[in-house]
């Protein structure tokens, strides 16, 4: 299977299936005793959108991204392209603002 993904700075991406169906979620758990984090995707679509969000951040971001659970009326909402269920750990990504891809 070959897939191409196009990233454009002027185009905001939104996946209607992930937006509308709460099955598409990514949960983050931390085990501080054994020093690891687990990112568990509940569907391939959820994993794809998480990866897409990271790639868009790497290409057009400003040095940091935050993924966090946002639950309204018992329903987890999509934040930055990713749905994290209630109880999931927050995830922070930091990187240099200068240099790298295209810089």
N, C-alpha and C. Protein backbone atom coordinates (compact mmCIF):
# COMPACT_ATOMS: atom_id res chain seq x y z
N UNK A 1 0.84 -1.17 0.00
CA UNK A 1 0.00 0.00 0.00
C UNK A 1 0.89 1.25 0.00
N UNK A 2 0.64 2.15 -0.92
CA UNK A 2 1.36 3.42 -0.97
C UNK A 2 0.38 4.53 -0.64
N UNK A 3 0.83 5.44 0.20
CA UNK A 3 0.01 6.57 0.58
C UNK A 3 0.85 7.83 0.54
N UNK A 4 0.31 8.87 -0.01
CA UNK A 4 0.98 10.17 -0.02
C UNK A 4 0.18 11.13 0.85
N UNK A 5 0.90 11.93 1.60
CA UNK A 5 0.26 12.94 2.44
C UNK A 5 0.87 14.28 2.07
N UNK A 6 0.02 15.26 1.82
CA UNK A 6 0.49 16.59 1.47
C UNK A 6 0.24 17.53 2.65
N UNK A 7 1.26 18.28 3.02
CA UNK A 7 1.15 19.25 4.10
C UNK A 7 1.29 20.64 3.51
N UNK A 8 0.31 21.49 3.74
CA UNK A 8 0.34 22.86 3.25
C UNK A 8 0.13 23.81 4.42
N UNK A 9 0.96 24.83 4.54
CA UNK A 9 0.83 25.73 5.69
C UNK A 9 -0.49 26.50 5.70
N UNK A 10 -1.09 26.73 4.55
CA UNK A 10 -2.32 27.52 4.49
C UNK A 10 -3.58 26.66 4.61
N UNK A 11 -3.42 25.35 4.75
CA UNK A 11 -4.56 24.45 4.79
C UNK A 11 -4.64 23.76 6.15
N UNK A 12 -5.73 24.00 6.88
CA UNK A 12 -5.94 23.33 8.16
C UNK A 12 -6.59 21.99 7.91
N UNK A 13 -6.00 20.94 8.45
CA UNK A 13 -6.49 19.57 8.24
C UNK A 13 -7.47 19.18 9.34
N UNK A 14 -8.54 18.52 8.95
CA UNK A 14 -9.51 17.98 9.91
C UNK A 14 -10.05 16.70 9.34
N UNK A 15 -10.10 15.65 10.16
CA UNK A 15 -10.62 14.36 9.72
C UNK A 15 -12.02 14.20 10.30
N UNK A 16 -13.06 14.27 9.47
CA UNK A 16 -14.44 14.20 9.97
C UNK A 16 -14.74 12.91 10.74
N UNK A 17 -14.18 11.79 10.31
CA UNK A 17 -14.42 10.51 11.01
C UNK A 17 -13.86 10.55 12.42
N UNK A 18 -12.64 11.06 12.57
CA UNK A 18 -12.03 11.15 13.91
C UNK A 18 -12.76 12.18 14.75
N UNK A 19 -13.16 13.29 14.14
CA UNK A 19 -13.89 14.32 14.87
C UNK A 19 -15.22 13.81 15.42
N UNK A 20 -15.92 13.00 14.65
CA UNK A 20 -17.28 12.62 15.01
C UNK A 20 -17.39 11.31 15.79
N UNK A 21 -16.40 10.45 15.71
CA UNK A 21 -16.51 9.12 16.32
C UNK A 21 -15.53 8.98 17.49
N UNK A 22 -16.04 8.91 18.73
CA UNK A 22 -15.17 8.86 19.91
C UNK A 22 -14.32 7.59 20.04
N UNK A 23 -14.56 6.59 19.18
CA UNK A 23 -13.72 5.40 19.22
C UNK A 23 -12.28 5.75 18.84
N UNK A 24 -12.11 6.80 18.05
CA UNK A 24 -10.77 7.20 17.59
C UNK A 24 -10.11 8.06 18.66
N UNK A 25 -9.34 7.41 19.52
CA UNK A 25 -8.69 8.10 20.63
C UNK A 25 -7.29 7.55 20.83
N UNK A 26 -6.47 8.34 21.47
CA UNK A 26 -5.11 7.95 21.85
C UNK A 26 -4.99 8.20 23.34
N UNK A 27 -4.58 7.20 24.10
CA UNK A 27 -4.41 7.36 25.54
C UNK A 27 -2.92 7.32 25.88
N UNK A 28 -2.50 8.19 26.78
CA UNK A 28 -1.11 8.25 27.22
C UNK A 28 -1.07 7.86 28.69
N UNK A 29 -0.26 6.86 29.02
CA UNK A 29 -0.06 6.48 30.41
C UNK A 29 1.42 6.55 30.74
N UNK A 30 1.71 6.87 31.98
CA UNK A 30 3.09 7.02 32.45
C UNK A 30 3.35 6.01 33.54
N UNK A 31 4.47 5.31 33.46
CA UNK A 31 4.92 4.43 34.53
C UNK A 31 6.23 5.01 35.04
N UNK A 32 6.16 5.82 36.09
CA UNK A 32 7.36 6.48 36.59
C UNK A 32 8.30 5.51 37.28
N UNK A 33 7.77 4.41 37.80
CA UNK A 33 8.62 3.42 38.47
C UNK A 33 9.56 2.73 37.48
N UNK A 34 9.02 2.38 36.29
CA UNK A 34 9.84 1.71 35.27
C UNK A 34 10.34 2.68 34.21
N UNK A 35 10.00 3.97 34.36
CA UNK A 35 10.50 5.04 33.50
C UNK A 35 10.12 4.87 32.02
N UNK A 36 8.80 4.75 31.76
CA UNK A 36 8.36 4.72 30.38
C UNK A 36 6.99 5.38 30.24
N UNK A 37 6.71 5.76 29.00
CA UNK A 37 5.39 6.29 28.64
C UNK A 37 4.82 5.37 27.56
N UNK A 38 3.54 5.11 27.64
CA UNK A 38 2.86 4.29 26.65
C UNK A 38 1.83 5.16 25.93
N UNK A 39 1.92 5.19 24.62
CA UNK A 39 0.93 5.88 23.80
C UNK A 39 0.13 4.78 23.11
N UNK A 40 -1.13 4.64 23.51
CA UNK A 40 -1.97 3.55 23.01
C UNK A 40 -3.08 4.12 22.15
N UNK A 41 -3.03 3.79 20.85
CA UNK A 41 -4.06 4.23 19.91
C UNK A 41 -5.18 3.20 19.89
N UNK A 42 -6.42 3.67 19.93
CA UNK A 42 -7.57 2.78 19.92
C UNK A 42 -8.00 2.42 18.49
N UNK A 43 -7.42 3.11 17.50
CA UNK A 43 -7.71 2.81 16.09
C UNK A 43 -6.54 3.29 15.24
N UNK A 44 -6.47 2.77 14.04
CA UNK A 44 -5.42 3.22 13.10
C UNK A 44 -5.64 4.69 12.73
N UNK A 45 -6.90 5.09 12.61
CA UNK A 45 -7.21 6.48 12.29
C UNK A 45 -6.70 7.42 13.38
N UNK A 46 -6.86 7.02 14.63
CA UNK A 46 -6.37 7.84 15.75
C UNK A 46 -4.86 7.95 15.70
N UNK A 47 -4.17 6.85 15.45
CA UNK A 47 -2.71 6.86 15.35
C UNK A 47 -2.26 7.72 14.17
N UNK A 48 -2.95 7.59 13.03
CA UNK A 48 -2.63 8.38 11.85
C UNK A 48 -2.74 9.87 12.14
N UNK A 49 -3.84 10.28 12.76
CA UNK A 49 -4.04 11.71 13.05
C UNK A 49 -3.04 12.22 14.08
N UNK A 50 -2.65 11.39 15.03
CA UNK A 50 -1.62 11.78 15.99
C UNK A 50 -0.31 12.02 15.25
N UNK A 51 0.06 11.09 14.37
CA UNK A 51 1.28 11.25 13.58
C UNK A 51 1.22 12.46 12.67
N UNK A 52 0.07 12.69 12.07
CA UNK A 52 -0.10 13.86 11.20
C UNK A 52 0.06 15.15 12.00
N UNK A 53 -0.51 15.18 13.20
CA UNK A 53 -0.38 16.37 14.06
C UNK A 53 1.08 16.64 14.40
N UNK A 54 1.83 15.59 14.69
CA UNK A 54 3.26 15.75 14.99
C UNK A 54 4.02 16.26 13.78
N UNK A 55 3.70 15.72 12.59
CA UNK A 55 4.38 16.16 11.38
C UNK A 55 4.06 17.62 11.06
N UNK A 56 2.80 18.00 11.18
CA UNK A 56 2.44 19.41 10.94
C UNK A 56 3.17 20.31 11.93
N UNK A 57 3.29 19.87 13.17
CA UNK A 57 4.01 20.65 14.18
C UNK A 57 5.48 20.78 13.80
N UNK A 58 6.09 19.68 13.34
CA UNK A 58 7.50 19.71 12.95
C UNK A 58 7.72 20.66 11.77
N UNK A 59 6.77 20.70 10.84
CA UNK A 59 6.92 21.54 9.66
C UNK A 59 6.59 23.01 9.91
N UNK A 60 5.53 23.28 10.67
CA UNK A 60 5.01 24.65 10.76
C UNK A 60 4.86 25.18 12.18
N UNK A 61 5.24 24.41 13.17
CA UNK A 61 5.02 24.80 14.56
C UNK A 61 6.00 25.85 15.06
N UNK A 62 5.91 26.12 16.36
CA UNK A 62 6.68 27.21 16.96
C UNK A 62 7.51 26.78 18.16
N UNK A 63 7.83 25.50 18.29
CA UNK A 63 8.72 25.07 19.35
C UNK A 63 8.11 24.17 20.40
N UNK A 64 6.80 24.09 20.40
CA UNK A 64 6.17 23.20 21.38
C UNK A 64 4.75 22.87 20.97
N UNK A 65 4.30 21.71 21.42
CA UNK A 65 2.92 21.29 21.20
C UNK A 65 2.45 20.60 22.48
N UNK A 66 1.17 20.72 22.74
CA UNK A 66 0.58 20.08 23.91
C UNK A 66 -0.65 19.30 23.47
N UNK A 67 -0.74 18.08 23.93
CA UNK A 67 -1.90 17.24 23.70
C UNK A 67 -2.49 16.93 25.06
N UNK A 68 -3.78 17.16 25.24
CA UNK A 68 -4.38 17.00 26.57
C UNK A 68 -5.82 16.54 26.43
N UNK A 69 -6.32 15.84 27.47
CA UNK A 69 -7.72 15.44 27.45
C UNK A 69 -8.62 16.64 27.70
N UNK A 70 -9.66 16.75 26.90
CA UNK A 70 -10.67 17.78 27.09
C UNK A 70 -12.02 17.09 27.00
N UNK A 71 -12.68 16.97 28.14
CA UNK A 71 -13.94 16.24 28.21
C UNK A 71 -15.07 17.22 28.52
N UNK A 72 -16.10 17.22 27.68
CA UNK A 72 -17.27 18.07 27.86
C UNK A 72 -18.51 17.17 27.85
N UNK A 73 -19.29 17.28 28.90
CA UNK A 73 -20.51 16.47 29.04
C UNK A 73 -20.23 14.98 28.85
N UNK A 74 -19.11 14.51 29.38
CA UNK A 74 -18.76 13.09 29.32
C UNK A 74 -18.16 12.63 28.01
N UNK A 75 -17.97 13.54 27.05
CA UNK A 75 -17.41 13.17 25.76
C UNK A 75 -16.04 13.82 25.58
N UNK A 76 -15.04 12.99 25.25
CA UNK A 76 -13.69 13.51 24.98
C UNK A 76 -13.69 14.18 23.61
N UNK A 77 -13.16 15.40 23.57
CA UNK A 77 -13.11 16.17 22.32
C UNK A 77 -11.73 16.07 21.68
N UNK A 78 -11.66 16.37 20.40
CA UNK A 78 -10.40 16.37 19.67
C UNK A 78 -9.71 17.71 19.90
N UNK A 79 -8.44 17.65 20.32
CA UNK A 79 -7.62 18.85 20.54
C UNK A 79 -6.33 18.67 19.74
N UNK A 80 -6.01 19.61 18.89
CA UNK A 80 -4.82 19.53 18.03
C UNK A 80 -4.81 18.25 17.20
N UNK A 81 -5.99 17.83 16.73
CA UNK A 81 -6.10 16.65 15.88
C UNK A 81 -6.16 15.32 16.61
N UNK A 82 -6.08 15.35 17.95
CA UNK A 82 -6.00 14.11 18.73
C UNK A 82 -7.03 14.13 19.85
N UNK A 83 -7.71 13.01 20.04
CA UNK A 83 -8.65 12.85 21.16
C UNK A 83 -7.96 12.04 22.24
N UNK A 84 -7.79 12.64 23.41
CA UNK A 84 -7.27 11.93 24.57
C UNK A 84 -8.41 11.74 25.56
N UNK A 85 -8.69 10.51 25.97
CA UNK A 85 -9.80 10.27 26.88
C UNK A 85 -9.50 10.78 28.29
N UNK A 86 -10.55 10.94 29.07
CA UNK A 86 -10.40 11.36 30.46
C UNK A 86 -9.49 10.38 31.17
N UNK A 87 -8.59 10.89 31.98
CA UNK A 87 -7.65 10.05 32.70
C UNK A 87 -6.33 9.87 31.98
N UNK A 88 -6.28 10.24 30.71
CA UNK A 88 -5.02 10.15 29.96
C UNK A 88 -4.06 11.21 30.48
N UNK A 89 -2.78 10.89 30.45
CA UNK A 89 -1.76 11.88 30.80
C UNK A 89 -1.68 12.91 29.67
N UNK A 90 -1.27 14.12 30.02
CA UNK A 90 -1.00 15.14 29.01
C UNK A 90 0.34 14.83 28.37
N UNK A 91 0.50 15.24 27.13
CA UNK A 91 1.74 14.99 26.40
C UNK A 91 2.27 16.33 25.88
N UNK A 92 3.52 16.62 26.21
CA UNK A 92 4.17 17.84 25.77
C UNK A 92 5.31 17.48 24.82
N UNK A 93 5.43 18.21 23.72
CA UNK A 93 6.51 18.02 22.76
C UNK A 93 7.23 19.35 22.63
N UNK A 94 8.54 19.34 22.84
CA UNK A 94 9.36 20.55 22.71
C UNK A 94 10.48 20.29 21.71
N UNK A 95 10.83 21.30 20.93
CA UNK A 95 11.86 21.17 19.91
C UNK A 95 12.41 22.56 19.60
N UNK A 96 13.58 22.65 18.97
CA UNK A 96 14.15 23.96 18.65
C UNK A 96 13.27 24.72 17.67
N UNK A 97 13.13 26.01 17.90
CA UNK A 97 12.33 26.85 17.00
C UNK A 97 13.09 27.15 15.70
N UNK A 98 14.40 27.15 15.75
CA UNK A 98 15.21 27.54 14.60
C UNK A 98 15.88 26.33 13.98
N UNK A 99 16.21 26.44 12.68
CA UNK A 99 16.97 25.39 12.01
C UNK A 99 16.09 24.21 11.66
N UNK A 100 16.75 23.17 11.17
CA UNK A 100 16.02 21.94 10.84
C UNK A 100 15.41 22.00 9.46
N UNK A 101 14.22 21.46 9.34
CA UNK A 101 13.52 21.34 8.06
C UNK A 101 13.29 22.73 7.45
N UNK A 102 13.85 22.94 6.30
CA UNK A 102 13.64 24.19 5.58
C UNK A 102 14.23 25.41 6.26
N UNK A 103 14.99 25.23 7.35
CA UNK A 103 15.50 26.40 8.07
C UNK A 103 16.91 26.46 8.06
